[in-house]
Protein backbone atom coordinates (compact mmCIF):
# COMPACT_ATOMS: atom_id res chain seq x y z
CA MET A 1 41.13 46.86 94.40
CA ARG A 2 42.12 46.20 98.07
CA LYS A 3 40.99 42.46 99.50
CA SER A 4 41.41 41.56 103.42
CA ASP A 5 39.81 39.26 105.40
CA VAL A 6 37.37 40.11 108.28
CA THR A 7 36.26 38.21 111.41
CA CYS A 8 32.98 39.34 113.56
CA SER A 9 34.02 39.75 117.13
CA GLU A 10 30.58 38.05 118.55
CA CYS A 11 29.99 35.02 116.57
CA GLY A 12 33.48 34.80 115.42
CA ALA A 13 32.18 34.33 111.14
CA GLY A 14 34.87 35.28 108.73
CA PHE A 15 34.01 37.33 105.77
CA ARG A 16 36.10 38.48 102.57
CA ARG A 17 36.28 42.20 102.38
CA LEU A 18 36.36 43.79 99.10
CA GLU A 19 37.09 47.30 98.27
CA LEU A 20 36.91 48.65 94.92
CA THR A 21 38.58 51.77 94.39
CA SER A 22 37.38 52.56 90.86
CA GLU A 23 34.03 52.42 92.01
CA ARG A 24 31.89 54.79 94.49
CA GLY A 25 29.71 53.05 96.49
CA THR A 26 26.60 53.96 98.59
CA GLU A 27 27.26 54.82 102.54
CA GLY A 28 25.92 52.54 104.73
CA LYS A 29 26.67 49.71 107.47
CA TYR A 30 27.43 45.79 107.42
CA HIS A 31 25.69 43.50 110.20
CA CYS A 32 26.63 39.85 110.59
CA PRO A 33 24.11 38.41 108.88
CA ALA A 34 24.29 35.49 111.55
CA CYS A 35 24.39 37.40 114.95
CA GLY A 36 23.53 41.11 113.85
CA ASN A 37 27.21 43.01 115.64
CA LEU A 38 28.44 46.05 113.13
CA ILE A 39 30.99 45.04 111.56
CA GLU A 40 31.97 48.26 109.35
CA ALA A 41 30.45 51.44 108.86
CA PHE A 42 31.54 52.98 105.27
CA GLY A 43 31.72 55.79 103.28
CA ALA A 44 30.84 56.40 99.83
CA ALA A 45 33.86 57.04 98.50
CA HIS A 46 34.73 53.17 97.31
CA LEU A 47 32.16 50.49 96.58
CA VAL A 48 33.08 47.46 99.50
CA ALA A 49 31.16 44.45 99.58
CA TYR A 50 31.37 41.45 101.76
CA ARG A 51 30.84 37.71 101.46
CA LEU A 52 31.13 34.91 104.13
CA THR A 53 33.77 32.64 104.07
CA ILE A 54 33.81 30.94 107.71
CA GLU A 55 30.65 29.88 109.09
CA PRO A 56 29.75 31.63 112.52
CA SER A 57 30.44 29.39 115.80
CA ILE A 58 27.74 27.74 117.09
CA LYS A 59 29.03 27.89 120.74
CA ALA A 60 28.89 31.69 119.89
CA LEU A 61 25.43 31.82 118.66
CA ARG A 62 23.73 30.09 121.64
CA GLU A 63 25.01 32.04 124.50
CA GLN A 64 23.51 35.46 123.11
């Protein structure tokens, strides 16, 4: 299992990214639930999951 932290470049929301190399996932894309910005496009080789850990910046959301 690989763990990493990812930040949305648009609103500043923070995510914990988990990648299970022992499980097959599904091909897809993950978009920030706060602003809709594309965070990652991934293949089906591994299972990828995201969890919101830092709330987005209110200022950044207002500027959109």
